[in-house]
Full PDB file with SEQRES, HELIX, SHEET, SSBOND, CRYST1, ORIGX, SCALE, CONECT and MASTER records, all heavy atoms in Angstrom:
SEQRES   1 A   37  TRP LYS LYS ASP TYR VAL PHE THR SER GLU SER VAL SER          
SEQRES   2 A   37  GLU GLY HIS PRO ASP LYS VAL CYS ASP ARG ILE SER ASP          
SEQRES   3 A   37  ALA VAL VAL ASP ALA PHE LEU THR GLU ASP ASN                  
HELIX    1 AA1 PRO A   17  GLU A   35  1                                  19    
CRYST1    1.000    1.000    1.000  90.00  90.00  90.00 P 1           1          
ORIGX1      1.000000  0.000000  0.000000        0.00000                         
ORIGX2      0.000000  1.000000  0.000000        0.00000                         
ORIGX3      0.000000  0.000000  1.000000        0.00000                         
SCALE1      1.000000  0.000000  0.000000        0.00000                         
SCALE2      0.000000  1.000000  0.000000        0.00000                         
SCALE3      0.000000  0.000000  1.000000        0.00000                         
ATOM      1  N   TRP A   1      50.118  84.290  97.843  1.00  0.00           N  
ATOM      2  CA  TRP A   1      50.645  83.999  99.121  1.00  0.00           C  
ATOM      3  C   TRP A   1      51.433  85.262  99.670  1.00  0.00           C  
ATOM      4  O   TRP A   1      51.839  86.116  98.972  1.00  0.00           O  
ATOM      5  CB  TRP A   1      51.508  82.751  99.106  1.00  0.00           C  
ATOM      6  CG  TRP A   1      52.885  82.969  98.428  1.00  0.00           C  
ATOM      7  CD1 TRP A   1      54.051  83.206  98.959  1.00  0.00           C  
ATOM      8  CD2 TRP A   1      53.151  82.980  97.001  1.00  0.00           C  
ATOM      9  NE1 TRP A   1      55.059  83.302  98.075  1.00  0.00           N  
ATOM     10  CE2 TRP A   1      54.467  83.186  96.832  1.00  0.00           C  
ATOM     11  CE3 TRP A   1      52.391  82.815  95.843  1.00  0.00           C  
ATOM     12  CZ2 TRP A   1      55.116  83.276  95.650  1.00  0.00           C  
ATOM     13  CZ3 TRP A   1      52.970  82.776  94.611  1.00  0.00           C  
ATOM     14  CH2 TRP A   1      54.237  82.915  94.544  1.00  0.00           C  
ATOM     15  N   LYS A   2      51.674  85.240 101.015  1.00  0.00           N  
ATOM     16  CA  LYS A   2      52.453  86.268 101.590  1.00  0.00           C  
ATOM     17  C   LYS A   2      53.888  86.289 101.065  1.00  0.00           C  
ATOM     18  O   LYS A   2      54.363  85.309 100.757  1.00  0.00           O  
ATOM     19  CB  LYS A   2      52.505  86.005 103.138  1.00  0.00           C  
ATOM     20  CG  LYS A   2      51.153  86.267 103.856  1.00  0.00           C  
ATOM     21  CD  LYS A   2      51.262  85.917 105.397  1.00  0.00           C  
ATOM     22  CE  LYS A   2      52.140  86.819 106.063  1.00  0.00           C  
ATOM     23  NZ  LYS A   2      52.223  86.677 107.531  1.00  0.00           N  
ATOM     24  N   LYS A   3      54.355  87.445 100.861  1.00  0.00           N  
ATOM     25  CA  LYS A   3      55.730  87.554 100.340  1.00  0.00           C  
ATOM     26  C   LYS A   3      56.827  87.896 101.450  1.00  0.00           C  
ATOM     27  O   LYS A   3      58.050  87.578 101.109  1.00  0.00           O  
ATOM     28  CB  LYS A   3      55.661  88.641  99.288  1.00  0.00           C  
ATOM     29  CG  LYS A   3      54.920  88.244  98.087  1.00  0.00           C  
ATOM     30  CD  LYS A   3      55.138  89.244  96.882  1.00  0.00           C  
ATOM     31  CE  LYS A   3      54.483  88.584  95.618  1.00  0.00           C  
ATOM     32  NZ  LYS A   3      54.564  89.572  94.452  1.00  0.00           N  
ATOM     33  N   ASP A   4      56.517  88.596 102.505  1.00  0.00           N  
ATOM     34  CA  ASP A   4      57.426  88.971 103.509  1.00  0.00           C  
ATOM     35  C   ASP A   4      56.979  88.347 104.901  1.00  0.00           C  
ATOM     36  O   ASP A   4      55.944  88.734 105.390  1.00  0.00           O  
ATOM     37  CB  ASP A   4      57.523  90.501 103.641  1.00  0.00           C  
ATOM     38  CG  ASP A   4      58.085  91.112 102.407  1.00  0.00           C  
ATOM     39  OD1 ASP A   4      58.796  90.553 101.654  1.00  0.00           O  
ATOM     40  OD2 ASP A   4      57.548  92.301 102.149  1.00  0.00           O  
ATOM     41  N   TYR A   5      57.754  87.533 105.358  1.00  0.00           N  
ATOM     42  CA  TYR A   5      57.408  86.721 106.584  1.00  0.00           C  
ATOM     43  C   TYR A   5      58.539  85.970 107.199  1.00  0.00           C  
ATOM     44  O   TYR A   5      59.665  85.875 106.444  1.00  0.00           O  
ATOM     45  CB  TYR A   5      56.203  85.799 106.223  1.00  0.00           C  
ATOM     46  CG  TYR A   5      56.519  84.698 104.990  1.00  0.00           C  
ATOM     47  CD1 TYR A   5      56.946  83.507 105.294  1.00  0.00           C  
ATOM     48  CD2 TYR A   5      56.321  85.066 103.769  1.00  0.00           C  
ATOM     49  CE1 TYR A   5      57.251  82.594 104.454  1.00  0.00           C  
ATOM     50  CE2 TYR A   5      56.585  84.239 102.759  1.00  0.00           C  
ATOM     51  CZ  TYR A   5      57.084  83.003 103.005  1.00  0.00           C  
ATOM     52  OH  TYR A   5      57.317  82.207 102.054  1.00  0.00           O  
ATOM     53  N   VAL A   6      58.377  85.265 108.207  1.00  0.00           N  
ATOM     54  CA  VAL A   6      59.281  84.206 108.703  1.00  0.00           C  
ATOM     55  C   VAL A   6      58.627  82.924 108.807  1.00  0.00           C  
ATOM     56  O   VAL A   6      57.381  82.869 109.051  1.00  0.00           O  
ATOM     57  CB  VAL A   6      59.873  84.664 110.166  1.00  0.00           C  
ATOM     58  CG1 VAL A   6      60.749  85.885 110.040  1.00  0.00           C  
ATOM     59  CG2 VAL A   6      58.835  84.823 111.178  1.00  0.00           C  
ATOM     60  N   PHE A   7      59.457  81.810 108.625  1.00  0.00           N  
ATOM     61  CA  PHE A   7      58.777  80.645 108.618  1.00  0.00           C  
ATOM     62  C   PHE A   7      59.827  79.604 109.217  1.00  0.00           C  
ATOM     63  O   PHE A   7      61.052  79.726 109.085  1.00  0.00           O  
ATOM     64  CB  PHE A   7      58.485  80.074 107.202  1.00  0.00           C  
ATOM     65  CG  PHE A   7      57.675  78.797 107.212  1.00  0.00           C  
ATOM     66  CD1 PHE A   7      56.320  78.775 107.351  1.00  0.00           C  
ATOM     67  CD2 PHE A   7      58.231  77.555 107.060  1.00  0.00           C  
ATOM     68  CE1 PHE A   7      55.517  77.738 107.370  1.00  0.00           C  
ATOM     69  CE2 PHE A   7      57.516  76.351 106.978  1.00  0.00           C  
ATOM     70  CZ  PHE A   7      56.064  76.501 107.293  1.00  0.00           C  
ATOM     71  N   THR A   8      59.410  78.573 110.029  1.00  0.00           N  
ATOM     72  CA  THR A   8      60.133  77.707 110.867  1.00  0.00           C  
ATOM     73  C   THR A   8      59.806  76.292 110.494  1.00  0.00           C  
ATOM     74  O   THR A   8      58.598  75.997 110.295  1.00  0.00           O  
ATOM     75  CB  THR A   8      59.886  78.007 112.279  1.00  0.00           C  
ATOM     76  OG1 THR A   8      60.097  79.260 112.794  1.00  0.00           O  
ATOM     77  CG2 THR A   8      60.781  76.987 113.146  1.00  0.00           C  
ATOM     78  N   SER A   9      60.869  75.487 110.406  1.00  0.00           N  
ATOM     79  CA  SER A   9      60.662  74.019 110.292  1.00  0.00           C  
ATOM     80  C   SER A   9      61.768  73.344 111.248  1.00  0.00           C  
ATOM     81  O   SER A   9      62.735  73.893 111.529  1.00  0.00           O  
ATOM     82  CB  SER A   9      60.985  73.492 108.858  1.00  0.00           C  
ATOM     83  OG  SER A   9      59.977  73.967 107.967  1.00  0.00           O  
ATOM     84  N   GLU A  10      61.314  72.106 111.696  1.00  0.00           N  
ATOM     85  CA  GLU A  10      62.152  71.390 112.637  1.00  0.00           C  
ATOM     86  C   GLU A  10      62.686  70.012 111.869  1.00  0.00           C  
ATOM     87  O   GLU A  10      62.081  69.571 111.068  1.00  0.00           O  
ATOM     88  CB  GLU A  10      61.591  71.118 113.854  1.00  0.00           C  
ATOM     89  CG  GLU A  10      60.474  70.146 113.805  1.00  0.00           C  
ATOM     90  CD  GLU A  10      60.102  69.449 115.064  1.00  0.00           C  
ATOM     91  OE1 GLU A  10      60.963  69.530 116.026  1.00  0.00           O  
ATOM     92  OE2 GLU A  10      59.079  68.757 115.152  1.00  0.00           O  
ATOM     93  N   SER A  11      63.736  69.442 112.399  1.00  0.00           N  
ATOM     94  CA  SER A  11      64.092  68.106 112.017  1.00  0.00           C  
ATOM     95  C   SER A  11      64.581  67.416 113.249  1.00  0.00           C  
ATOM     96  O   SER A  11      64.793  68.006 114.385  1.00  0.00           O  
ATOM     97  CB  SER A  11      65.326  68.173 111.071  1.00  0.00           C  
ATOM     98  OG  SER A  11      65.638  66.828 110.676  1.00  0.00           O  
ATOM     99  N   VAL A  12      64.669  66.241 113.283  1.00  0.00           N  
ATOM    100  CA  VAL A  12      65.191  65.289 114.391  1.00  0.00           C  
ATOM    101  C   VAL A  12      66.148  64.290 113.727  1.00  0.00           C  
ATOM    102  O   VAL A  12      66.065  63.903 112.586  1.00  0.00           O  
ATOM    103  CB  VAL A  12      63.986  64.452 115.103  1.00  0.00           C  
ATOM    104  CG1 VAL A  12      63.035  65.547 115.683  1.00  0.00           C  
ATOM    105  CG2 VAL A  12      63.239  63.591 114.198  1.00  0.00           C  
ATOM    106  N   SER A  13      67.051  63.841 114.609  1.00  0.00           N  
ATOM    107  CA  SER A  13      68.186  62.871 114.076  1.00  0.00           C  
ATOM    108  C   SER A  13      67.683  61.532 114.091  1.00  0.00           C  
ATOM    109  O   SER A  13      66.708  61.041 114.583  1.00  0.00           O  
ATOM    110  CB  SER A  13      69.424  63.057 114.951  1.00  0.00           C  
ATOM    111  OG  SER A  13      69.119  62.426 116.223  1.00  0.00           O  
ATOM    112  N   GLU A  14      68.618  60.658 113.422  1.00  0.00           N  
ATOM    113  CA  GLU A  14      68.360  59.242 113.447  1.00  0.00           C  
ATOM    114  C   GLU A  14      68.176  58.654 114.800  1.00  0.00           C  
ATOM    115  O   GLU A  14      67.554  57.505 114.994  1.00  0.00           O  
ATOM    116  CB  GLU A  14      69.432  58.557 112.665  1.00  0.00           C  
ATOM    117  CG  GLU A  14      70.778  58.694 113.408  1.00  0.00           C  
ATOM    118  CD  GLU A  14      72.042  58.562 112.423  1.00  0.00           C  
ATOM    119  OE1 GLU A  14      72.085  59.550 111.607  1.00  0.00           O  
ATOM    120  OE2 GLU A  14      72.722  57.592 112.581  1.00  0.00           O  
ATOM    121  N   GLY A  15      68.737  59.241 115.756  1.00  0.00           N  
ATOM    122  CA  GLY A  15      68.764  58.767 117.334  1.00  0.00           C  
ATOM    123  C   GLY A  15      67.452  59.217 117.965  1.00  0.00           C  
ATOM    124  O   GLY A  15      67.340  58.780 119.096  1.00  0.00           O  
ATOM    125  N   HIS A  16      66.657  60.085 117.377  1.00  0.00           N  
ATOM    126  CA  HIS A  16      65.414  60.469 118.098  1.00  0.00           C  
ATOM    127  C   HIS A  16      64.510  59.207 118.323  1.00  0.00           C  
ATOM    128  O   HIS A  16      64.557  58.440 117.501  1.00  0.00           O  
ATOM    129  CB  HIS A  16      64.714  61.560 117.320  1.00  0.00           C  
ATOM    130  CG  HIS A  16      63.411  62.048 117.866  1.00  0.00           C  
ATOM    131  ND1 HIS A  16      62.338  61.345 117.945  1.00  0.00           N  
ATOM    132  CD2 HIS A  16      63.256  63.304 118.678  1.00  0.00           C  
ATOM    133  CE1 HIS A  16      61.433  62.049 118.620  1.00  0.00           C  
ATOM    134  NE2 HIS A  16      61.975  63.240 118.946  1.00  0.00           N  
ATOM    135  N   PRO A  17      63.974  59.109 119.539  1.00  0.00           N  
ATOM    136  CA  PRO A  17      63.159  57.895 119.659  1.00  0.00           C  
ATOM    137  C   PRO A  17      62.200  57.520 118.540  1.00  0.00           C  
ATOM    138  O   PRO A  17      62.094  56.256 118.150  1.00  0.00           O  
ATOM    139  CB  PRO A  17      62.415  58.198 121.000  1.00  0.00           C  
ATOM    140  CG  PRO A  17      63.200  59.221 121.658  1.00  0.00           C  
ATOM    141  CD  PRO A  17      63.903  60.067 120.621  1.00  0.00           C  
ATOM    142  N   ASP A  18      61.514  58.455 118.073  1.00  0.00           N  
ATOM    143  CA  ASP A  18      60.509  58.145 116.963  1.00  0.00           C  
ATOM    144  C   ASP A  18      61.327  57.674 115.729  1.00  0.00           C  
ATOM    145  O   ASP A  18      60.721  56.881 114.931  1.00  0.00           O  
ATOM    146  CB  ASP A  18      59.724  59.377 116.603  1.00  0.00           C  
ATOM    147  CG  ASP A  18      58.730  59.721 117.767  1.00  0.00           C  
ATOM    148  OD1 ASP A  18      58.386  58.856 118.552  1.00  0.00           O  
ATOM    149  OD2 ASP A  18      58.369  60.986 117.871  1.00  0.00           O  
ATOM    150  N   LYS A  19      62.464  58.244 115.472  1.00  0.00           N  
ATOM    151  CA  LYS A  19      63.218  57.844 114.386  1.00  0.00           C  
ATOM    152  C   LYS A  19      63.930  56.489 114.453  1.00  0.00           C  
ATOM    153  O   LYS A  19      64.111  55.782 113.380  1.00  0.00           O  
ATOM    154  CB  LYS A  19      64.162  58.930 113.881  1.00  0.00           C  
ATOM    155  CG  LYS A  19      63.678  60.159 113.235  1.00  0.00           C  
ATOM    156  CD  LYS A  19      63.215  59.759 111.924  1.00  0.00           C  
ATOM    157  CE  LYS A  19      62.019  60.586 111.433  1.00  0.00           C  
ATOM    158  NZ  LYS A  19      61.339  60.023 110.232  1.00  0.00           N  
ATOM    159  N   VAL A  20      64.203  56.171 115.682  1.00  0.00           N  
ATOM    160  CA  VAL A  20      64.667  54.820 115.937  1.00  0.00           C  
ATOM    161  C   VAL A  20      63.598  53.764 115.523  1.00  0.00           C  
ATOM    162  O   VAL A  20      63.883  52.735 114.864  1.00  0.00           O  
ATOM    163  CB  VAL A  20      65.026  54.532 117.427  1.00  0.00           C  
ATOM    164  CG1 VAL A  20      65.360  53.150 117.702  1.00  0.00           C  
ATOM    165  CG2 VAL A  20      66.225  55.373 117.831  1.00  0.00           C  
ATOM    166  N   CYS A  21      62.357  54.143 115.866  1.00  0.00           N  
ATOM    167  CA  CYS A  21      61.194  53.258 115.518  1.00  0.00           C  
ATOM    168  C   CYS A  21      61.029  53.163 113.971  1.00  0.00           C  
ATOM    169  O   CYS A  21      60.716  52.120 113.358  1.00  0.00           O  
ATOM    170  CB  CYS A  21      60.012  53.682 116.307  1.00  0.00           C  
ATOM    171  SG  CYS A  21      60.117  53.455 118.092  1.00  0.00           S  
ATOM    172  N   ASP A  22      61.089  54.383 113.346  1.00  0.00           N  
ATOM    173  CA  ASP A  22      60.883  54.419 111.927  1.00  0.00           C  
ATOM    174  C   ASP A  22      62.026  53.566 111.217  1.00  0.00           C  
ATOM    175  O   ASP A  22      61.698  52.775 110.220  1.00  0.00           O  
ATOM    176  CB  ASP A  22      61.045  55.875 111.396  1.00  0.00           C  
ATOM    177  CG  ASP A  22      59.805  56.713 111.738  1.00  0.00           C  
ATOM    178  OD1 ASP A  22      58.780  56.149 112.073  1.00  0.00           O  
ATOM    179  OD2 ASP A  22      59.932  57.942 111.474  1.00  0.00           O  
ATOM    180  N   ARG A  23      63.219  53.700 111.673  1.00  0.00           N  
ATOM    181  CA  ARG A  23      64.305  52.900 111.104  1.00  0.00           C  
ATOM    182  C   ARG A  23      64.062  51.418 111.243  1.00  0.00           C  
ATOM    183  O   ARG A  23      64.182  50.648 110.278  1.00  0.00           O  
ATOM    184  CB  ARG A  23      65.578  53.302 111.835  1.00  0.00           C  
ATOM    185  CG  ARG A  23      66.867  52.419 111.413  1.00  0.00           C  
ATOM    186  CD  ARG A  23      67.348  52.828 110.133  1.00  0.00           C  
ATOM    187  NE  ARG A  23      68.582  52.138 109.799  1.00  0.00           N  
ATOM    188  CZ  ARG A  23      69.801  52.618 110.190  1.00  0.00           C  
ATOM    189  NH1 ARG A  23      69.906  53.878 110.641  1.00  0.00           N  
ATOM    190  NH2 ARG A  23      70.920  51.932 109.849  1.00  0.00           N  
ATOM    191  N   ILE A  24      63.695  50.966 112.410  1.00  0.00           N  
ATOM    192  CA  ILE A  24      63.409  49.494 112.638  1.00  0.00           C  
ATOM    193  C   ILE A  24      62.160  49.051 111.765  1.00  0.00           C  
ATOM    194  O   ILE A  24      62.363  47.984 111.054  1.00  0.00           O  
ATOM    195  CB  ILE A  24      63.114  49.274 114.067  1.00  0.00           C  
ATOM    196  CG1 ILE A  24      64.357  49.456 114.966  1.00  0.00           C  
ATOM    197  CG2 ILE A  24      62.515  47.769 114.322  1.00  0.00           C  
ATOM    198  CD1 ILE A  24      64.076  49.409 116.467  1.00  0.00           C  
ATOM    199  N   SER A  25      61.167  49.790 111.740  1.00  0.00           N  
ATOM    200  CA  SER A  25      60.068  49.348 110.870  1.00  0.00           C  
ATOM    201  C   SER A  25      60.355  49.289 109.347  1.00  0.00           C  
ATOM    202  O   SER A  25      60.092  48.385 108.661  1.00  0.00           O  
ATOM    203  CB  SER A  25      58.828  50.341 111.142  1.00  0.00           C  
ATOM    204  OG  SER A  25      58.228  50.381 112.332  1.00  0.00           O  
ATOM    205  N   ASP A  26      61.128  50.296 108.882  1.00  0.00           N  
ATOM    206  CA  ASP A  26      61.672  50.290 107.435  1.00  0.00           C  
ATOM    207  C   ASP A  26      62.601  49.125 107.221  1.00  0.00           C  
ATOM    208  O   ASP A  26      62.731  48.633 106.188  1.00  0.00           O  
ATOM    209  CB  ASP A  26      62.129  51.574 107.059  1.00  0.00           C  
ATOM    210  CG  ASP A  26      61.157  52.521 106.606  1.00  0.00           C  
ATOM    211  OD1 ASP A  26      59.938  51.957 106.233  1.00  0.00           O  
ATOM    212  OD2 ASP A  26      61.289  53.806 106.645  1.00  0.00           O  
ATOM    213  N   ALA A  27      63.460  48.686 108.239  1.00  0.00           N  
ATOM    214  CA  ALA A  27      64.224  47.604 108.127  1.00  0.00           C  
ATOM    215  C   ALA A  27      63.468  46.271 108.034  1.00  0.00           C  
ATOM    216  O   ALA A  27      63.970  45.447 107.237  1.00  0.00           O  
ATOM    217  CB  ALA A  27      65.171  47.494 109.288  1.00  0.00           C  
ATOM    218  N   VAL A  28      62.403  46.196 108.586  1.00  0.00           N  
ATOM    219  CA  VAL A  28      61.483  45.062 108.435  1.00  0.00           C  
ATOM    220  C   VAL A  28      60.987  45.036 106.983  1.00  0.00           C  
ATOM    221  O   VAL A  28      60.978  44.040 106.280  1.00  0.00           O  
ATOM    222  CB  VAL A  28      60.330  45.090 109.432  1.00  0.00           C  
ATOM    223  CG1 VAL A  28      59.246  43.983 109.108  1.00  0.00           C  
ATOM    224  CG2 VAL A  28      60.834  44.845 110.840  1.00  0.00           C  
ATOM    225  N   VAL A  29      60.443  46.251 106.467  1.00  0.00           N  
ATOM    226  CA  VAL A  29      60.117  46.353 105.094  1.00  0.00           C  
ATOM    227  C   VAL A  29      61.181  45.839 104.067  1.00  0.00           C  
ATOM    228  O   VAL A  29      60.912  44.917 103.218  1.00  0.00           O  
ATOM    229  CB  VAL A  29      59.699  47.729 104.660  1.00  0.00           C  
ATOM    230  CG1 VAL A  29      59.309  47.835 103.243  1.00  0.00           C  
ATOM    231  CG2 VAL A  29      58.399  48.141 105.667  1.00  0.00           C  
ATOM    232  N   ASP A  30      62.410  46.247 104.401  1.00  0.00           N  
ATOM    233  CA  ASP A  30      63.531  45.903 103.389  1.00  0.00           C  
ATOM    234  C   ASP A  30      63.781  44.459 103.610  1.00  0.00           C  
ATOM    235  O   ASP A  30      64.197  43.785 102.484  1.00  0.00           O  
ATOM    236  CB  ASP A  30      64.725  46.670 103.864  1.00  0.00           C  
ATOM    237  CG  ASP A  30      64.784  48.115 103.317  1.00  0.00           C  
ATOM    238  OD1 ASP A  30      63.814  48.579 102.545  1.00  0.00           O  
ATOM    239  OD2 ASP A  30      65.676  48.908 103.771  1.00  0.00           O  
ATOM    240  N   ALA A  31      63.751  43.899 104.792  1.00  0.00           N  
ATOM    241  CA  ALA A  31      63.869  42.440 104.922  1.00  0.00           C  
ATOM    242  C   ALA A  31      62.988  41.555 104.173  1.00  0.00           C  
ATOM    243  O   ALA A  31      63.369  40.752 103.486  1.00  0.00           O  
ATOM    244  CB  ALA A  31      63.793  41.996 106.382  1.00  0.00           C  
ATOM    245  N   PHE A  32      61.670  42.007 104.118  1.00  0.00           N  
ATOM    246  CA  PHE A  32      60.726  41.232 103.253  1.00  0.00           C  
ATOM    247  C   PHE A  32      60.919  41.453 101.812  1.00  0.00           C  
ATOM    248  O   PHE A  32      60.883  40.408 101.163  1.00  0.00           O  
ATOM    249  CB  PHE A  32      59.314  41.584 103.757  1.00  0.00           C  
ATOM    250  CG  PHE A  32      58.828  40.797 104.944  1.00  0.00           C  
ATOM    251  CD1 PHE A  32      59.049  41.151 106.211  1.00  0.00           C  
ATOM    252  CD2 PHE A  32      58.175  39.528 104.792  1.00  0.00           C  
ATOM    253  CE1 PHE A  32      58.745  40.558 107.435  1.00  0.00           C  
ATOM    254  CE2 PHE A  32      57.697  38.796 105.938  1.00  0.00           C  
ATOM    255  CZ  PHE A  32      58.068  39.284 107.219  1.00  0.00           C  
ATOM    256  N   LEU A  33      61.113  42.652 101.388  1.00  0.00           N  
ATOM    257  CA  LEU A  33      61.325  42.950  99.964  1.00  0.00           C  
ATOM    258  C   LEU A  33      62.494  42.384  99.508  1.00  0.00           C  
ATOM    259  O   LEU A  33      62.663  41.945  98.289  1.00  0.00           O  
ATOM    260  CB  LEU A  33      61.302  44.441  99.682  1.00  0.00           C  
ATOM    261  CG  LEU A  33      59.867  45.128  99.910  1.00  0.00           C  
ATOM    262  CD1 LEU A  33      60.033  46.748  99.713  1.00  0.00           C  
ATOM    263  CD2 LEU A  33      58.791  44.605  99.115  1.00  0.00           C  
ATOM    264  N   THR A  34      63.529  42.124 100.194  1.00  0.00           N  
ATOM    265  CA  THR A  34      64.771  41.528  99.901  1.00  0.00           C  
ATOM    266  C   THR A  34      64.417  39.988  99.427  1.00  0.00           C  
ATOM    267  O   THR A  34      65.078  39.444  98.454  1.00  0.00           O  
ATOM    268  CB  THR A  34      65.939  41.483 100.947  1.00  0.00           C  
ATOM    269  OG1 THR A  34      66.218  42.741 101.126  1.00  0.00           O  
ATOM    270  CG2 THR A  34      67.042  40.712 100.607  1.00  0.00           C  
ATOM    271  N   GLU A  35      63.603  39.391 100.187  1.00  0.00           N  
ATOM    272  CA  GLU A  35      63.253  38.052  99.876  1.00  0.00           C  
ATOM    273  C   GLU A  35      62.095  37.815  98.892  1.00  0.00           C  
ATOM    274  O   GLU A  35      61.976  36.817  98.117  1.00  0.00           O  
ATOM    275  CB  GLU A  35      62.886  37.326 101.218  1.00  0.00           C  
ATOM    276  CG  GLU A  35      63.901  37.371 102.294  1.00  0.00           C  
ATOM    277  CD  GLU A  35      65.098  36.535 101.959  1.00  0.00           C  
ATOM    278  OE1 GLU A  35      64.940  35.552 101.168  1.00  0.00           O  
ATOM    279  OE2 GLU A  35      66.212  36.880 102.461  1.00  0.00           O  
ATOM    280  N   ASP A  36      61.223  38.791  98.887  1.00  0.00           N  
ATOM    281  CA  ASP A  36      60.019  38.684  97.968  1.00  0.00           C  
ATOM    282  C   ASP A  36      59.489  40.141  97.631  1.00  0.00           C  
ATOM    283  O   ASP A  36      58.943  40.689  98.520  1.00  0.00           O  
ATOM    284  CB  ASP A  36      58.967  37.935  98.558  1.00  0.00           C  
ATOM    285  CG  ASP A  36      57.618  37.655  97.858  1.00  0.00           C  
ATOM    286  OD1 ASP A  36      57.693  38.208  96.646  1.00  0.00           O  
ATOM    287  OD2 ASP A  36      56.776  37.054  98.258  1.00  0.00           O  
ATOM    288  N   ASN A  37      59.687  40.608  96.489  1.00  0.00           N  
ATOM    289  CA  ASN A  37      59.303  41.876  96.109  1.00  0.00           C  
ATOM    290  C   ASN A  37      57.718  42.153  96.051  1.00  0.00           C  
ATOM    291  O   ASN A  37      57.231  43.258  95.879  1.00  0.00           O  
ATOM    292  CB  ASN A  37      59.930  42.419  94.806  1.00  0.00           C  
ATOM    293  CG  ASN A  37      59.549  41.644  93.570  1.00  0.00           C  
ATOM    294  OD1 ASN A  37      58.634  40.831  93.694  1.00  0.00           O  
ATOM    295  ND2 ASN A  37      60.186  41.817  92.460  1.00  0.00           N  
TER     296      ASN A  37                                                      
MASTER        0    0    0    1    0    0    0    6  295    1    0    3          
END                                                                             
């Protein structure tokens, strides 16, 4: 692989619209697994 270069990555916070949706969807997963694994 290349040895000398620049590389960029991004992140988004819990309040980003897509992350709000991820959080809600995973809360549904947790709700069901709490009652029945």
